[in-house]
Amino acid sequence: MTDHIEIRDAIINAAVTLAAQKSWEAVRLYDVARDLNLTLDQIHRYFREKEDVA
């Protein structure tokens, strides 16, 4: 269970970091996945779309 929470938190943190660097509109889940060395499928296990992260 802890891994699930840690990965979910890492995704949120990466998305927030990218949004601070660019803008929220410019953030793509692909970018978040790349920064975390995850696949889009792995990201989608936690969040279906970018708006779910916010």
PDB file of N, CA and C in Angstrom:
ATOM      1  N   MET A   1       0.825  -1.192   0.000  1.00  0.00           N
ATOM      2  CA  MET A   1       0.000   0.000   0.000  1.00  0.00           C
ATOM      3  C   MET A   1       0.870   1.256   0.000  1.00  0.00           C
ATOM      4  N   THR A   2       1.955   1.241   0.735  1.00  0.00           N
ATOM      5  CA  THR A   2       2.825   2.409   0.798  1.00  0.00           C
ATOM      6  C   THR A   2       3.391   2.750  -0.568  1.00  0.00           C
ATOM      7  N   ASP A   3       3.779   1.738  -1.343  1.00  0.00           N
ATOM      8  CA  ASP A   3       4.304   1.997  -2.682  1.00  0.00           C
ATOM      9  C   ASP A   3       3.274   2.732  -3.525  1.00  0.00           C
ATOM     10  N   HIS A   4       2.030   2.321  -3.432  1.00  0.00           N
ATOM     11  CA  HIS A   4       0.958   2.964  -4.191  1.00  0.00           C
ATOM     12  C   HIS A   4       0.871   4.447  -3.836  1.00  0.00           C
ATOM     13  N   ILE A   5       0.918   4.758  -2.572  1.00  0.00           N
ATOM     14  CA  ILE A   5       0.836   6.148  -2.115  1.00  0.00           C
ATOM     15  C   ILE A   5       2.076   6.924  -2.537  1.00  0.00           C
ATOM     16  N   GLU A   6       3.247   6.305  -2.429  1.00  0.00           N
ATOM     17  CA  GLU A   6       4.491   6.979  -2.810  1.00  0.00           C
ATOM     18  C   GLU A   6       4.515   7.293  -4.302  1.00  0.00           C
ATOM     19  N   ILE A   7       4.083   6.355  -5.123  1.00  0.00           N
ATOM     20  CA  ILE A   7       4.060   6.582  -6.570  1.00  0.00           C
ATOM     21  C   ILE A   7       3.048   7.662  -6.909  1.00  0.00           C
ATOM     22  N   ARG A   8       1.886   7.596  -6.299  1.00  0.00           N
ATOM     23  CA  ARG A   8       0.850   8.607  -6.541  1.00  0.00           C
ATOM     24  C   ARG A   8       1.363   9.994  -6.154  1.00  0.00           C
ATOM     25  N   ASP A   9       2.015  10.097  -5.006  1.00  0.00           N
ATOM     26  CA  ASP A   9       2.578  11.372  -4.565  1.00  0.00           C
ATOM     27  C   ASP A   9       3.682  11.851  -5.502  1.00  0.00           C
ATOM     28  N   ALA A  10       4.501  10.930  -5.989  1.00  0.00           N
ATOM     29  CA  ALA A  10       5.576  11.293  -6.916  1.00  0.00           C
ATOM     30  C   ALA A  10       5.004  11.845  -8.214  1.00  0.00           C
ATOM     31  N   ILE A  11       3.918  11.261  -8.692  1.00  0.00           N
ATOM     32  CA  ILE A  11       3.267  11.748  -9.911  1.00  0.00           C
ATOM     33  C   ILE A  11       2.743  13.162  -9.692  1.00  0.00           C
ATOM     34  N   ILE A  12       2.086  13.375  -8.570  1.00  0.00           N
ATOM     35  CA  ILE A  12       1.555  14.708  -8.260  1.00  0.00           C
ATOM     36  C   ILE A  12       2.691  15.721  -8.158  1.00  0.00           C
ATOM     37  N   ASN A  13       3.748  15.367  -7.441  1.00  0.00           N
ATOM     38  CA  ASN A  13       4.876  16.282  -7.275  1.00  0.00           C
ATOM     39  C   ASN A  13       5.542  16.603  -8.602  1.00  0.00           C
ATOM     40  N   ALA A  14       5.700  15.607  -9.455  1.00  0.00           N
ATOM     41  CA  ALA A  14       6.311  15.842 -10.768  1.00  0.00           C
ATOM     42  C   ALA A  14       5.434  16.754 -11.613  1.00  0.00           C
ATOM     43  N   ALA A  15       4.138  16.553 -11.560  1.00  0.00           N
ATOM     44  CA  ALA A  15       3.217  17.402 -12.327  1.00  0.00           C
ATOM     45  C   ALA A  15       3.267  18.842 -11.830  1.00  0.00           C
ATOM     46  N   VAL A  16       3.315  19.031 -10.523  1.00  0.00           N
ATOM     47  CA  VAL A  16       3.385  20.379  -9.950  1.00  0.00           C
ATOM     48  C   VAL A  16       4.706  21.047 -10.332  1.00  0.00           C
ATOM     49  N   THR A  17       5.785  20.304 -10.281  1.00  0.00           N
ATOM     50  CA  THR A  17       7.094  20.843 -10.659  1.00  0.00           C
ATOM     51  C   THR A  17       7.102  21.277 -12.114  1.00  0.00           C
ATOM     52  N   LEU A  18       6.565  20.430 -12.984  1.00  0.00           N
ATOM     53  CA  LEU A  18       6.498  20.788 -14.403  1.00  0.00           C
ATOM     54  C   LEU A  18       5.609  22.000 -14.625  1.00  0.00           C
ATOM     55  N   ALA A  19       4.516  22.079 -13.909  1.00  0.00           N
ATOM     56  CA  ALA A  19       3.611  23.227 -14.048  1.00  0.00           C
ATOM     57  C   ALA A  19       4.302  24.511 -13.604  1.00  0.00           C
ATOM     58  N   ALA A  20       5.140  24.430 -12.588  1.00  0.00           N
ATOM     59  CA  ALA A  20       5.871  25.608 -12.126  1.00  0.00           C
ATOM     60  C   ALA A  20       6.912  26.046 -13.152  1.00  0.00           C
ATOM     61  N   GLN A  21       7.480  25.080 -13.873  1.00  0.00           N
ATOM     62  CA  GLN A  21       8.489  25.392 -14.883  1.00  0.00           C
ATOM     63  C   GLN A  21       7.870  25.935 -16.160  1.00  0.00           C
ATOM     64  N   LYS A  22       6.718  25.405 -16.526  1.00  0.00           N
ATOM     65  CA  LYS A  22       6.054  25.788 -17.775  1.00  0.00           C
ATOM     66  C   LYS A  22       4.770  26.514 -17.419  1.00  0.00           C
ATOM     67  N   SER A  23       3.700  25.805 -17.558  1.00  0.00           N
ATOM     68  CA  SER A  23       2.365  26.213 -17.121  1.00  0.00           C
ATOM     69  C   SER A  23       1.552  24.930 -17.038  1.00  0.00           C
ATOM     70  N   TRP A  24       0.457  24.983 -16.318  1.00  0.00           N
ATOM     71  CA  TRP A  24      -0.366  23.780 -16.185  1.00  0.00           C
ATOM     72  C   TRP A  24      -0.861  23.304 -17.545  1.00  0.00           C
ATOM     73  N   GLU A  25      -1.211  24.250 -18.403  1.00  0.00           N
ATOM     74  CA  GLU A  25      -1.721  23.903 -19.727  1.00  0.00           C
ATOM     75  C   GLU A  25      -0.673  23.169 -20.561  1.00  0.00           C
ATOM     76  N   ALA A  26       0.604  23.452 -20.316  1.00  0.00           N
ATOM     77  CA  ALA A  26       1.678  22.840 -21.100  1.00  0.00           C
ATOM     78  C   ALA A  26       2.101  21.467 -20.576  1.00  0.00           C
ATOM     79  N   VAL A  27       1.672  21.115 -19.383  1.00  0.00           N
ATOM     80  CA  VAL A  27       2.050  19.824 -18.794  1.00  0.00           C
ATOM     81  C   VAL A  27       1.282  18.705 -19.480  1.00  0.00           C
ATOM     82  N   ARG A  28       2.020  17.653 -19.843  1.00  0.00           N
ATOM     83  CA  ARG A  28       1.400  16.454 -20.414  1.00  0.00           C
ATOM     84  C   ARG A  28       1.751  15.268 -19.520  1.00  0.00           C
ATOM     85  N   LEU A  29       0.858  14.329 -19.413  1.00  0.00           N
ATOM     86  CA  LEU A  29       1.153  13.146 -18.602  1.00  0.00           C
ATOM     87  C   LEU A  29       2.365  12.401 -19.140  1.00  0.00           C
ATOM     88  N   TYR A  30       2.586  12.489 -20.440  1.00  0.00           N
ATOM     89  CA  TYR A  30       3.780  11.882 -21.034  1.00  0.00           C
ATOM     90  C   TYR A  30       5.043  12.469 -20.398  1.00  0.00           C
ATOM     91  N   ASP A  31       5.064  13.800 -20.193  1.00  0.00           N
ATOM     92  CA  ASP A  31       6.221  14.458 -19.578  1.00  0.00           C
ATOM     93  C   ASP A  31       6.422  13.985 -18.142  1.00  0.00           C
ATOM     94  N   VAL A  32       5.332  13.846 -17.418  1.00  0.00           N
ATOM     95  CA  VAL A  32       5.397  13.358 -16.041  1.00  0.00           C
ATOM     96  C   VAL A  32       5.961  11.938 -16.026  1.00  0.00           C
ATOM     97  N   ALA A  33       5.451  11.098 -16.902  1.00  0.00           N
ATOM     98  CA  ALA A  33       5.927   9.716 -16.986  1.00  0.00           C
ATOM     99  C   ALA A  33       7.419   9.677 -17.301  1.00  0.00           C
ATOM    100  N   ARG A  34       7.835  10.480 -18.259  1.00  0.00           N
ATOM    101  CA  ARG A  34       9.246  10.510 -18.655  1.00  0.00           C
ATOM    102  C   ARG A  34      10.122  10.935 -17.483  1.00  0.00           C
ATOM    103  N   ASP A  35       9.710  11.971 -16.761  1.00  0.00           N
ATOM    104  CA  ASP A  35      10.504  12.457 -15.632  1.00  0.00           C
ATOM    105  C   ASP A  35      10.640  11.415 -14.527  1.00  0.00           C
ATOM    106  N   LEU A  36       9.652  10.561 -14.393  1.00  0.00           N
ATOM    107  CA  LEU A  36       9.660   9.539 -13.335  1.00  0.00           C
ATOM    108  C   LEU A  36      10.111   8.169 -13.835  1.00  0.00           C
ATOM    109  N   ASN A  37      10.496   8.086 -15.108  1.00  0.00           N
ATOM    110  CA  ASN A  37      10.875   6.803 -15.713  1.00  0.00           C
ATOM    111  C   ASN A  37       9.751   5.776 -15.605  1.00  0.00           C
ATOM    112  N   LEU A  38       8.535   6.244 -15.849  1.00  0.00           N
ATOM    113  CA  LEU A  38       7.361   5.380 -15.876  1.00  0.00           C
ATOM    114  C   LEU A  38       6.782   5.392 -17.284  1.00  0.00           C
ATOM    115  N   THR A  39       5.897   4.455 -17.553  1.00  0.00           N
ATOM    116  CA  THR A  39       5.171   4.466 -18.818  1.00  0.00           C
ATOM    117  C   THR A  39       3.848   5.201 -18.612  1.00  0.00           C
ATOM    118  N   LEU A  40       3.243   5.606 -19.716  1.00  0.00           N
ATOM    119  CA  LEU A  40       1.925   6.234 -19.616  1.00  0.00           C
ATOM    120  C   LEU A  40       0.912   5.278 -19.003  1.00  0.00           C
ATOM    121  N   ASP A  41       1.017   3.998 -19.326  1.00  0.00           N
ATOM    122  CA  ASP A  41       0.108   3.012 -18.727  1.00  0.00           C
ATOM    123  C   ASP A  41       0.232   3.010 -17.204  1.00  0.00           C
ATOM    124  N   GLN A  42       1.449   3.133 -16.706  1.00  0.00           N
ATOM    125  CA  GLN A  42       1.641   3.170 -15.260  1.00  0.00           C
ATOM    126  C   GLN A  42       1.017   4.429 -14.659  1.00  0.00           C
ATOM    127  N   ILE A  43       1.178   5.555 -15.332  1.00  0.00           N
ATOM    128  CA  ILE A  43       0.567   6.799 -14.862  1.00  0.00           C
ATOM    129  C   ILE A  43      -0.952   6.649 -14.837  1.00  0.00           C
ATOM    130  N   HIS A  44      -1.497   6.041 -15.885  1.00  0.00           N
ATOM    131  CA  HIS A  44      -2.951   5.908 -15.997  1.00  0.00           C
ATOM    132  C   HIS A  44      -3.548   4.953 -14.965  1.00  0.00           C
ATOM    133  N   ARG A  45      -2.739   4.152 -14.320  1.00  0.00           N
ATOM    134  CA  ARG A  45      -3.244   3.326 -13.214  1.00  0.00           C
ATOM    135  C   ARG A  45      -3.670   4.200 -12.036  1.00  0.00           C
ATOM    136  N   TYR A  46      -3.054   5.359 -11.942  1.00  0.00           N
ATOM    137  CA  TYR A  46      -3.322   6.273 -10.834  1.00  0.00           C
ATOM    138  C   TYR A  46      -4.226   7.430 -11.233  1.00  0.00           C
ATOM    139  N   PHE A  47      -4.047   7.922 -12.459  1.00  0.00           N
ATOM    140  CA  PHE A  47      -4.798   9.079 -12.942  1.00  0.00           C
ATOM    141  C   PHE A  47      -5.200   8.850 -14.391  1.00  0.00           C
ATOM    142  N   ARG A  48      -6.479   8.976 -14.688  1.00  0.00           N
ATOM    143  CA  ARG A  48      -6.963   8.758 -16.056  1.00  0.00           C
ATOM    144  C   ARG A  48      -6.568   9.887 -16.987  1.00  0.00           C
ATOM    145  N   GLU A  49      -6.572  11.111 -16.451  1.00  0.00           N
ATOM    146  CA  GLU A  49      -6.214  12.271 -17.269  1.00  0.00           C
ATOM    147  C   GLU A  49      -5.554  13.319 -16.385  1.00  0.00           C
ATOM    148  N   LYS A  50      -4.942  14.288 -17.028  1.00  0.00           N
ATOM    149  CA  LYS A  50      -4.185  15.312 -16.309  1.00  0.00           C
ATOM    150  C   LYS A  50      -5.034  16.027 -15.265  1.00  0.00           C
ATOM    151  N   GLU A  51      -6.262  16.303 -15.584  1.00  0.00           N
ATOM    152  CA  GLU A  51      -7.132  17.027 -14.663  1.00  0.00           C
ATOM    153  C   GLU A  51      -7.362  16.257 -13.366  1.00  0.00           C
ATOM    154  N   ASP A  52      -7.220  14.943 -13.396  1.00  0.00           N
ATOM    155  CA  ASP A  52      -7.374  14.139 -12.184  1.00  0.00           C
ATOM    156  C   ASP A  52      -6.219  14.355 -11.203  1.00  0.00           C
ATOM    157  N   VAL A  53      -5.087  14.814 -11.723  1.00  0.00           N
ATOM    158  CA  VAL A  53      -3.925  15.065 -10.867  1.00  0.00           C
ATOM    159  C   VAL A  53      -4.142  16.322 -10.033  1.00  0.00           C
ATOM    160  N   ALA A  54      -4.834  17.288 -10.607  1.00  0.00           N
ATOM    161  CA  ALA A  54      -4.985  18.606  -9.953  1.00  0.00           C
ATOM    162  C   ALA A  54      -5.915  18.576  -8.788  1.00  0.00           C
TER     163      ALA A  54
END
